[in-house]
C-alpha atoms as a PDB file:
ATOM      1  CA  UNK A   1      92.922  56.981  69.059  1.00  0.00           C
ATOM      2  CA  UNK A   2      91.096  56.741  65.740  1.00  0.00           C
ATOM      3  CA  UNK A   3      91.434  53.735  63.463  1.00  0.00           C
ATOM      4  CA  UNK A   4      91.669  54.147  59.729  1.00  0.00           C
ATOM      5  CA  UNK A   5      91.515  51.544  57.014  1.00  0.00           C
ATOM      6  CA  UNK A   6      94.097  51.747  54.290  1.00  0.00           C
ATOM      7  CA  UNK A   7      93.821  49.840  51.031  1.00  0.00           C
ATOM      8  CA  UNK A   8      97.150  49.008  49.462  1.00  0.00           C
ATOM      9  CA  UNK A   9      97.473  47.607  45.953  1.00  0.00           C
ATOM     10  CA  UNK A  10     100.318  45.109  46.090  1.00  0.00           C
ATOM     11  CA  UNK A  11      99.906  43.966  42.503  1.00  0.00           C
ATOM     12  CA  UNK A  12      97.988  40.747  43.154  1.00  0.00           C
ATOM     13  CA  UNK A  13      95.425  40.190  40.399  1.00  0.00           C
ATOM     14  CA  UNK A  14      91.775  40.155  41.363  1.00  0.00           C
ATOM     15  CA  UNK A  15      91.074  37.317  38.958  1.00  0.00           C
ATOM     16  CA  UNK A  16      92.977  34.609  37.203  1.00  0.00           C
ATOM     17  CA  UNK A  17      92.616  32.295  34.246  1.00  0.00           C
ATOM     18  CA  UNK A  18      94.587  29.044  34.153  1.00  0.00           C
ATOM     19  CA  UNK A  19      94.561  26.373  31.457  1.00  0.00           C
ATOM     20  CA  UNK A  20      95.757  22.785  31.688  1.00  0.00           C
ATOM     21  CA  UNK A  21      96.133  20.967  28.375  1.00  0.00           C
ATOM     22  CA  UNK A  22      95.325  17.263  28.556  1.00  0.00           C
ATOM     23  CA  UNK A  23      95.688  14.808  25.670  1.00  0.00           C
ATOM     24  CA  UNK A  24      92.058  15.113  24.532  1.00  0.00           C
ATOM     25  CA  UNK A  25      90.767  18.342  26.147  1.00  0.00           C
ATOM     26  CA  UNK A  26      91.745  21.533  27.961  1.00  0.00           C
ATOM     27  CA  UNK A  27      90.584  22.439  31.456  1.00  0.00           C
ATOM     28  CA  UNK A  28      90.243  26.198  31.965  1.00  0.00           C
ATOM     29  CA  UNK A  29      89.848  27.498  35.509  1.00  0.00           C
ATOM     30  CA  UNK A  30      88.536  31.003  36.018  1.00  0.00           C
ATOM     31  CA  UNK A  31      88.546  32.335  39.555  1.00  0.00           C
ATOM     32  CA  UNK A  32      88.166  35.609  41.386  1.00  0.00           C
ATOM     33  CA  UNK A  33      86.841  38.728  39.674  1.00  0.00           C
ATOM     34  CA  UNK A  34      86.729  38.167  35.923  1.00  0.00           C
ATOM     35  CA  UNK A  35      86.493  41.720  34.644  1.00  0.00           C
ATOM     36  CA  UNK A  36      87.915  44.204  32.139  1.00  0.00           C
ATOM     37  CA  UNK A  37      91.275  44.221  33.919  1.00  0.00           C
ATOM     38  CA  UNK A  38      91.696  40.688  32.530  1.00  0.00           C
ATOM     39  CA  UNK A  39      90.791  41.433  28.907  1.00  0.00           C
ATOM     40  CA  UNK A  40      94.329  41.012  27.583  1.00  0.00           C
ATOM     41  CA  UNK A  41      94.890  37.787  29.539  1.00  0.00           C
ATOM     42  CA  UNK A  42      91.558  36.333  28.346  1.00  0.00           C
ATOM     43  CA  UNK A  43      92.281  37.317  24.725  1.00  0.00           C
ATOM     44  CA  UNK A  44      95.685  35.643  24.923  1.00  0.00           C
ATOM     45  CA  UNK A  45      94.175  32.503  26.448  1.00  0.00           C
ATOM     46  CA  UNK A  46      91.525  32.343  23.736  1.00  0.00           C
ATOM     47  CA  UNK A  47      94.235  32.626  21.076  1.00  0.00           C
ATOM     48  CA  UNK A  48      96.144  29.736  22.689  1.00  0.00           C
ATOM     49  CA  UNK A  49      92.960  27.646  22.864  1.00  0.00           C
ATOM     50  CA  UNK A  50      92.285  28.303  19.179  1.00  0.00           C
ATOM     51  CA  UNK A  51      95.734  26.976  18.323  1.00  0.00           C
ATOM     52  CA  UNK A  52      95.362  23.690  20.232  1.00  0.00           C
ATOM     53  CA  UNK A  53      91.848  22.999  18.826  1.00  0.00           C
ATOM     54  CA  UNK A  54      90.677  20.792  21.702  1.00  0.00           C
ATOM     55  CA  UNK A  55      87.340  20.666  23.546  1.00  0.00           C
ATOM     56  CA  UNK A  56      87.269  22.799  26.688  1.00  0.00           C
ATOM     57  CA  UNK A  57      86.040  22.066  30.205  1.00  0.00           C
ATOM     58  CA  UNK A  58      85.392  25.455  31.807  1.00  0.00           C
ATOM     59  CA  UNK A  59      85.489  25.491  35.609  1.00  0.00           C
ATOM     60  CA  UNK A  60      84.015  28.697  37.036  1.00  0.00           C
ATOM     61  CA  UNK A  61      83.309  27.386  40.526  1.00  0.00           C
ATOM     62  CA  UNK A  62      85.502  30.066  42.114  1.00  0.00           C
ATOM     63  CA  UNK A  63      84.377  33.080  40.077  1.00  0.00           C
ATOM     64  CA  UNK A  64      83.216  35.788  42.477  1.00  0.00           C
ATOM     65  CA  UNK A  65      82.330  38.433  39.877  1.00  0.00           C
ATOM     66  CA  UNK A  66      82.054  38.479  36.105  1.00  0.00           C
ATOM     67  CA  UNK A  67      81.443  41.471  33.839  1.00  0.00           C
ATOM     68  CA  UNK A  68      81.215  41.854  30.065  1.00  0.00           C
ATOM     69  CA  UNK A  69      84.868  40.853  29.569  1.00  0.00           C
ATOM     70  CA  UNK A  70      84.269  37.466  31.178  1.00  0.00           C
ATOM     71  CA  UNK A  71      80.982  36.991  29.368  1.00  0.00           C
ATOM     72  CA  UNK A  72      82.645  37.877  26.071  1.00  0.00           C
ATOM     73  CA  UNK A  73      85.360  35.290  26.744  1.00  0.00           C
ATOM     74  CA  UNK A  74      82.776  32.568  27.434  1.00  0.00           C
ATOM     75  CA  UNK A  75      80.718  33.443  24.337  1.00  0.00           C
ATOM     76  CA  UNK A  76      83.773  33.566  22.060  1.00  0.00           C
ATOM     77  CA  UNK A  77      84.957  30.278  23.549  1.00  0.00           C
ATOM     78  CA  UNK A  78      81.596  28.696  22.767  1.00  0.00           C
ATOM     79  CA  UNK A  79      81.684  30.100  19.225  1.00  0.00           C
ATOM     80  CA  UNK A  80      84.885  28.249  18.313  1.00  0.00           C
ATOM     81  CA  UNK A  81      82.994  25.263  16.940  1.00  0.00           C
ATOM     82  CA  UNK A  82      84.424  22.830  19.480  1.00  0.00           C
ATOM     83  CA  UNK A  83      82.644  21.408  22.538  1.00  0.00           C
ATOM     84  CA  UNK A  84      82.655  23.507  25.701  1.00  0.00           C
ATOM     85  CA  UNK A  85      81.292  22.115  28.952  1.00  0.00           C
ATOM     86  CA  UNK A  86      80.702  24.203  32.050  1.00  0.00           C
ATOM     87  CA  UNK A  87      81.817  22.544  35.284  1.00  0.00           C
ATOM     88  CA  UNK A  88      80.405  23.718  38.616  1.00  0.00           C
ATOM     89  CA  UNK A  89      79.440  27.302  37.737  1.00  0.00           C
ATOM     90  CA  UNK A  90      79.564  29.713  40.661  1.00  0.00           C
ATOM     91  CA  UNK A  91      76.505  31.692  41.724  1.00  0.00           C
ATOM     92  CA  UNK A  92      77.989  34.800  40.064  1.00  0.00           C
ATOM     93  CA  UNK A  93      78.309  32.934  36.749  1.00  0.00           C
ATOM     94  CA  UNK A  94      74.846  31.373  37.004  1.00  0.00           C
ATOM     95  CA  UNK A  95      73.230  34.772  37.556  1.00  0.00           C
ATOM     96  CA  UNK A  96      74.997  36.175  34.497  1.00  0.00           C
ATOM     97  CA  UNK A  97      74.271  33.178  32.264  1.00  0.00           C
ATOM     98  CA  UNK A  98      70.624  33.054  33.363  1.00  0.00           C
ATOM     99  CA  UNK A  99      70.243  36.774  32.635  1.00  0.00           C
ATOM    100  CA  UNK A 100      71.722  36.220  29.177  1.00  0.00           C
ATOM    101  CA  UNK A 101      69.380  33.284  28.505  1.00  0.00           C
ATOM    102  CA  UNK A 102      66.356  35.340  29.577  1.00  0.00           C
ATOM    103  CA  UNK A 103      67.434  38.253  27.418  1.00  0.00           C
ATOM    104  CA  UNK A 104      67.907  36.038  24.369  1.00  0.00           C
ATOM    105  CA  UNK A 105      64.554  34.314  24.946  1.00  0.00           C
ATOM    106  CA  UNK A 106      62.546  37.527  25.395  1.00  0.00           C
ATOM    107  CA  UNK A 107      60.500  38.662  22.389  1.00  0.00           C
ATOM    108  CA  UNK A 108      61.565  41.827  20.649  1.00  0.00           C
ATOM    109  CA  UNK A 109      59.075  44.530  19.848  1.00  0.00           C
END
C-alpha cells in the first residue's frame, strides 16, 4: 500500500490581524503568514486605525512569515504620525526589519 499526502484548503486563513482598542492606545496582533493574501484585511485595519488616532502597540511575536504586504502595513502604520511600538518581534519580523535597516543605511552609487 502506498501512502499519499493530500493538502486540503478548508478556508482557514494563513495569517490574521487583530486589534484591541484600549482607552489610550491600540494593540495590534499579527500572527501566522502575513502576506499578499491579507492585503485587503491589512488595508481595512489601517483605515480603522487612522480613524481612532491612537498610538499603536504592534505585537508580531507569532508572525511566521512576512512579505511586502506585511512590510508595507508596518511602514504605513509608522508613517501615520502617531507613536508605534514593536512588542516582541518574531524572528521572521526581525530578519525583515534588519534587512530593511541595512538597505536604507547602505550608500547609493
